[in-house]
Amino acid sequence: GGSSESPNAINNNHGPSWRMVVEMTTPIKAWGVYPGGQSGNPASLNYNAFIQNWATGNHYELTLYQNAEQAMKSTNRKVILK
């Protein structure tokens, strides 16, 4: 519902893509889902990967790091802060 300016407005021509639910506790917990794959490219083999979950309202728990050091301990990627 709501108007076309509402954050979750849906009509025949457009609607939200990224969906995120945040529990404002300590620590913060969050869940989200983004259809269309990471790239958003319709030609990608992964484009349809999360569309069914998005359409049915199923979300994935998101990992939220408090700082770059915490992220580095949990991943095998480099975090570069500018």
C-alpha atoms as a PDB file:
ATOM      1  CA  GLY A   1       0.000   0.000   0.000  1.00  0.00           C
ATOM      2  CA  GLY A   2       0.904   3.628   0.310  1.00  0.00           C
ATOM      3  CA  SER A   3       1.634   6.213  -2.327  1.00  0.00           C
ATOM      4  CA  SER A   4       4.176   5.962  -5.133  1.00  0.00           C
ATOM      5  CA  GLU A   5       6.581   7.924  -2.890  1.00  0.00           C
ATOM      6  CA  SER A   6       6.335   5.377  -0.038  1.00  0.00           C
ATOM      7  CA  PRO A   7       9.526   3.383   0.694  1.00  0.00           C
ATOM      8  CA  ASN A   8       7.827   0.041   0.009  1.00  0.00           C
ATOM      9  CA  ALA A   9       5.583   1.218  -2.846  1.00  0.00           C
ATOM     10  CA  ILE A  10       4.666  -1.466  -5.358  1.00  0.00           C
ATOM     11  CA  ASN A  11       2.646  -1.031  -8.525  1.00  0.00           C
ATOM     12  CA  ASN A  12       2.574  -2.493 -12.043  1.00  0.00           C
ATOM     13  CA  ASN A  13       5.687  -0.589 -13.130  1.00  0.00           C
ATOM     14  CA  HIS A  14       8.075  -0.635 -10.188  1.00  0.00           C
ATOM     15  CA  GLY A  15       8.770  -1.854  -6.691  1.00  0.00           C
ATOM     16  CA  PRO A  16      11.584  -2.307  -4.174  1.00  0.00           C
ATOM     17  CA  SER A  17      14.478  -4.610  -4.947  1.00  0.00           C
ATOM     18  CA  TRP A  18      16.693  -4.819  -1.839  1.00  0.00           C
ATOM     19  CA  ARG A  19      14.716  -5.837   1.237  1.00  0.00           C
ATOM     20  CA  MET A  20      16.219  -5.613   4.695  1.00  0.00           C
ATOM     21  CA  VAL A  21      14.832  -6.152   8.191  1.00  0.00           C
ATOM     22  CA  VAL A  22      16.855  -4.812  11.124  1.00  0.00           C
ATOM     23  CA  GLU A  23      16.392  -5.705  14.777  1.00  0.00           C
ATOM     24  CA  MET A  24      17.630  -2.732  16.798  1.00  0.00           C
ATOM     25  CA  THR A  25      19.149  -4.737  19.634  1.00  0.00           C
ATOM     26  CA  THR A  26      22.672  -4.972  20.994  1.00  0.00           C
ATOM     27  CA  PRO A  27      24.261  -6.351  18.943  1.00  0.00           C
ATOM     28  CA  ILE A  28      22.176  -5.345  15.933  1.00  0.00           C
ATOM     29  CA  LYS A  29      20.769  -8.246  13.899  1.00  0.00           C
ATOM     30  CA  ALA A  30      19.724  -7.935  10.273  1.00  0.00           C
ATOM     31  CA  TRP A  31      18.255 -10.029   7.473  1.00  0.00           C
ATOM     32  CA  GLY A  32      18.020  -9.188   3.790  1.00  0.00           C
ATOM     33  CA  VAL A  33      17.481 -10.452   0.277  1.00  0.00           C
ATOM     34  CA  TYR A  34      18.331  -8.952  -3.103  1.00  0.00           C
ATOM     35  CA  PRO A  35      16.916 -10.467  -6.296  1.00  0.00           C
ATOM     36  CA  GLY A  36      18.851 -10.444  -9.530  1.00  0.00           C
ATOM     37  CA  GLY A  37      22.145 -11.798  -8.239  1.00  0.00           C
ATOM     38  CA  GLN A  38      25.060  -9.738  -6.978  1.00  0.00           C
ATOM     39  CA  SER A  39      25.681  -8.061 -10.329  1.00  0.00           C
ATOM     40  CA  GLY A  40      22.040  -7.349 -11.184  1.00  0.00           C
ATOM     41  CA  ASN A  41      22.866  -8.371 -14.755  1.00  0.00           C
ATOM     42  CA  PRO A  42      19.990 -10.310 -16.414  1.00  0.00           C
ATOM     43  CA  ALA A  43      22.576 -12.182 -18.534  1.00  0.00           C
ATOM     44  CA  SER A  44      24.256 -13.594 -15.407  1.00  0.00           C
ATOM     45  CA  LEU A  45      23.779 -17.298 -14.664  1.00  0.00           C
ATOM     46  CA  ASN A  46      23.008 -16.300 -11.057  1.00  0.00           C
ATOM     47  CA  TYR A  47      20.391 -13.685 -11.923  1.00  0.00           C
ATOM     48  CA  ASN A  48      17.445 -15.860 -10.785  1.00  0.00           C
ATOM     49  CA  ALA A  49      19.187 -17.201  -7.667  1.00  0.00           C
ATOM     50  CA  PHE A  50      17.190 -15.273  -5.047  1.00  0.00           C
ATOM     51  CA  ILE A  51      14.069 -14.168  -6.897  1.00  0.00           C
ATOM     52  CA  GLN A  52      11.845 -16.866  -5.357  1.00  0.00           C
ATOM     53  CA  ASN A  53      13.048 -15.990  -1.847  1.00  0.00           C
ATOM     54  CA  TRP A  54      12.506 -12.295  -2.560  1.00  0.00           C
ATOM     55  CA  ALA A  55       8.977 -12.951  -3.881  1.00  0.00           C
ATOM     56  CA  THR A  56       7.994 -15.047  -0.850  1.00  0.00           C
ATOM     57  CA  GLY A  57       9.623 -12.761   1.734  1.00  0.00           C
ATOM     58  CA  ASN A  58      12.370 -15.171   2.814  1.00  0.00           C
ATOM     59  CA  HIS A  59      15.460 -13.329   4.046  1.00  0.00           C
ATOM     60  CA  TYR A  60      19.049 -14.321   4.836  1.00  0.00           C
ATOM     61  CA  GLU A  61      20.799 -13.359   8.060  1.00  0.00           C
ATOM     62  CA  LEU A  62      23.381 -10.669   7.334  1.00  0.00           C
ATOM     63  CA  THR A  63      26.810 -10.480   8.921  1.00  0.00           C
ATOM     64  CA  LEU A  64      27.430  -7.046  10.408  1.00  0.00           C
ATOM     65  CA  TYR A  65      30.965  -6.145  11.465  1.00  0.00           C
ATOM     66  CA  GLN A  66      31.717  -3.453  14.036  1.00  0.00           C
ATOM     67  CA  ASN A  67      35.041  -2.538  12.412  1.00  0.00           C
ATOM     68  CA  ALA A  68      37.564  -3.570   9.755  1.00  0.00           C
ATOM     69  CA  GLU A  69      39.600  -5.662  12.210  1.00  0.00           C
ATOM     70  CA  GLN A  70      36.592  -7.809  13.060  1.00  0.00           C
ATOM     71  CA  ALA A  71      35.847  -8.262   9.358  1.00  0.00           C
ATOM     72  CA  MET A  72      39.440  -9.312   8.649  1.00  0.00           C
ATOM     73  CA  LYS A  73      39.297 -12.023  11.320  1.00  0.00           C
ATOM     74  CA  SER A  74      36.106 -13.463   9.828  1.00  0.00           C
ATOM     75  CA  THR A  75      36.960 -13.407   6.128  1.00  0.00           C
ATOM     76  CA  ASN A  76      39.803 -14.165   3.776  1.00  0.00           C
ATOM     77  CA  ARG A  77      39.437 -10.843   1.961  1.00  0.00           C
ATOM     78  CA  LYS A  78      41.276  -7.587   2.455  1.00  0.00           C
ATOM     79  CA  VAL A  79      39.333  -4.614   3.765  1.00  0.00           C
ATOM     80  CA  ILE A  80      40.704  -1.331   2.453  1.00  0.00           C
ATOM     81  CA  LEU A  81      39.547   1.840   4.173  1.00  0.00           C
ATOM     82  CA  LYS A  82      40.054   5.123   2.350  1.00  0.00           C
END
